[in-house]
Amino acid sequence: MASTNVKEITDANFESEVLKSDLPTLVDFWAVWCGPCKQIAPMVEALADQYAGKLKVGKLDVDHHQIYAQQLRVTSIP
């Protein structure tokens, strides 16, 4: 993640970073092997920079953090 405004979202911090966030939050569900995820990454980072302080942007790697991806029924990425 090149932008410092993009948060790493994990199963451990999902509740505090997303569910209890004071800001609206965009979560990019992604995986290292996902080509389209790599293609949209610069746009996700640009959104994070453009809306810093107004919108929280995070990325959740579905291969390593599956609990919330499953609970939210994320069946495909990006």
C-alpha atoms as a PDB file:
ATOM      1  CA  MET A   1       0.000   0.000   0.000  1.00  0.00           C
ATOM      2  CA  ALA A   2       1.646   3.183  -1.153  1.00  0.00           C
ATOM      3  CA  SER A   3      -0.793   5.635   0.436  1.00  0.00           C
ATOM      4  CA  THR A   4      -0.467   6.225   4.153  1.00  0.00           C
ATOM      5  CA  ASN A   5      -4.193   7.012   4.156  1.00  0.00           C
ATOM      6  CA  VAL A   6      -5.127   3.388   3.373  1.00  0.00           C
ATOM      7  CA  LYS A   7      -5.530   1.334   6.540  1.00  0.00           C
ATOM      8  CA  GLU A   8      -4.755  -2.370   6.730  1.00  0.00           C
ATOM      9  CA  ILE A   9      -7.967  -4.030   7.867  1.00  0.00           C
ATOM     10  CA  THR A  10      -7.752  -7.417   9.590  1.00  0.00           C
ATOM     11  CA  ASP A  11     -10.153  -9.709  11.399  1.00  0.00           C
ATOM     12  CA  ALA A  12      -8.661  -8.380  14.646  1.00  0.00           C
ATOM     13  CA  ASN A  13      -9.238  -4.676  13.915  1.00  0.00           C
ATOM     14  CA  PHE A  14     -12.337  -4.799  11.662  1.00  0.00           C
ATOM     15  CA  GLU A  15     -14.706  -3.854  14.455  1.00  0.00           C
ATOM     16  CA  SER A  16     -12.678  -0.860  15.663  1.00  0.00           C
ATOM     17  CA  GLU A  17     -11.552   0.370  12.221  1.00  0.00           C
ATOM     18  CA  VAL A  18     -14.810  -0.195  10.328  1.00  0.00           C
ATOM     19  CA  LEU A  19     -17.848  -0.896  12.499  1.00  0.00           C
ATOM     20  CA  LYS A  20     -17.000   1.660  15.189  1.00  0.00           C
ATOM     21  CA  SER A  21     -15.399   4.236  12.895  1.00  0.00           C
ATOM     22  CA  ASP A  22     -16.517   7.841  13.243  1.00  0.00           C
ATOM     23  CA  LEU A  23     -16.122   8.203   9.472  1.00  0.00           C
ATOM     24  CA  PRO A  24     -17.831   6.390   6.618  1.00  0.00           C
ATOM     25  CA  THR A  25     -15.527   3.543   5.625  1.00  0.00           C
ATOM     26  CA  LEU A  26     -14.763   1.980   2.257  1.00  0.00           C
ATOM     27  CA  VAL A  27     -13.277  -1.508   2.532  1.00  0.00           C
ATOM     28  CA  ASP A  28     -11.476  -2.952  -0.482  1.00  0.00           C
ATOM     29  CA  PHE A  29     -11.615  -6.747  -0.211  1.00  0.00           C
ATOM     30  CA  TRP A  30      -8.612  -8.023  -2.157  1.00  0.00           C
ATOM     31  CA  ALA A  31      -5.991 -10.771  -2.541  1.00  0.00           C
ATOM     32  CA  VAL A  32      -2.374 -10.785  -3.709  1.00  0.00           C
ATOM     33  CA  TRP A  33      -3.159 -13.087  -6.645  1.00  0.00           C
ATOM     34  CA  CYS A  34      -6.091 -10.955  -7.913  1.00  0.00           C
ATOM     35  CA  GLY A  35      -5.166  -9.095 -11.110  1.00  0.00           C
ATOM     36  CA  PRO A  36      -8.179  -6.747 -11.107  1.00  0.00           C
ATOM     37  CA  CYS A  37      -7.430  -5.914  -7.452  1.00  0.00           C
ATOM     38  CA  LYS A  38      -3.973  -4.745  -8.512  1.00  0.00           C
ATOM     39  CA  GLN A  39      -5.523  -2.680 -11.312  1.00  0.00           C
ATOM     40  CA  ILE A  40      -7.877  -0.770  -9.015  1.00  0.00           C
ATOM     41  CA  ALA A  41      -5.330  -0.307  -6.194  1.00  0.00           C
ATOM     42  CA  PRO A  42      -4.108   3.091  -7.488  1.00  0.00           C
ATOM     43  CA  MET A  43      -7.708   4.344  -7.624  1.00  0.00           C
ATOM     44  CA  VAL A  44      -8.389   3.133  -4.086  1.00  0.00           C
ATOM     45  CA  GLU A  45      -5.242   4.922  -2.893  1.00  0.00           C
ATOM     46  CA  ALA A  46      -6.231   8.099  -4.759  1.00  0.00           C
ATOM     47  CA  LEU A  47      -9.667   8.041  -3.091  1.00  0.00           C
ATOM     48  CA  ALA A  48      -8.017   7.613   0.301  1.00  0.00           C
ATOM     49  CA  ASP A  49      -5.786  10.621  -0.335  1.00  0.00           C
ATOM     50  CA  GLN A  50      -8.525  12.777  -1.863  1.00  0.00           C
ATOM     51  CA  TYR A  51     -11.020  12.160   0.942  1.00  0.00           C
ATOM     52  CA  ALA A  52      -8.613  11.951   3.886  1.00  0.00           C
ATOM     53  CA  GLY A  53     -10.381  13.106   7.033  1.00  0.00           C
ATOM     54  CA  LYS A  54     -13.812  12.619   5.423  1.00  0.00           C
ATOM     55  CA  LEU A  55     -13.681   8.944   4.449  1.00  0.00           C
ATOM     56  CA  LYS A  56     -11.688   6.063   5.887  1.00  0.00           C
ATOM     57  CA  VAL A  57     -10.337   3.658   3.281  1.00  0.00           C
ATOM     58  CA  GLY A  58      -9.047   0.224   4.167  1.00  0.00           C
ATOM     59  CA  LYS A  59      -7.915  -2.960   2.469  1.00  0.00           C
ATOM     60  CA  LEU A  60      -8.722  -6.435   3.771  1.00  0.00           C
ATOM     61  CA  ASP A  61      -6.773  -9.402   2.356  1.00  0.00           C
ATOM     62  CA  VAL A  62      -9.412 -12.129   2.049  1.00  0.00           C
ATOM     63  CA  ASP A  63      -6.820 -14.914   2.001  1.00  0.00           C
ATOM     64  CA  HIS A  64      -5.481 -13.997   5.435  1.00  0.00           C
ATOM     65  CA  HIS A  65      -8.565 -12.465   7.075  1.00  0.00           C
ATOM     66  CA  GLN A  66     -11.659 -14.471   6.216  1.00  0.00           C
ATOM     67  CA  ILE A  67     -14.023 -13.947   9.150  1.00  0.00           C
ATOM     68  CA  TYR A  68     -15.646 -10.679   8.063  1.00  0.00           C
ATOM     69  CA  ALA A  69     -15.407 -11.503   4.364  1.00  0.00           C
ATOM     70  CA  GLN A  70     -17.507 -14.599   5.092  1.00  0.00           C
ATOM     71  CA  GLN A  71     -19.902 -12.795   7.449  1.00  0.00           C
ATOM     72  CA  LEU A  72     -20.490 -10.089   4.833  1.00  0.00           C
ATOM     73  CA  ARG A  73     -20.876 -12.764   2.140  1.00  0.00           C
ATOM     74  CA  VAL A  74     -18.047 -11.482  -0.023  1.00  0.00           C
ATOM     75  CA  THR A  75     -17.982 -14.122  -2.745  1.00  0.00           C
ATOM     76  CA  SER A  76     -15.801 -12.417  -5.351  1.00  0.00           C
ATOM     77  CA  ILE A  77     -13.144  -9.738  -5.470  1.00  0.00           C
ATOM     78  CA  PRO A  78     -12.488  -6.922  -6.125  1.00  0.00           C
END
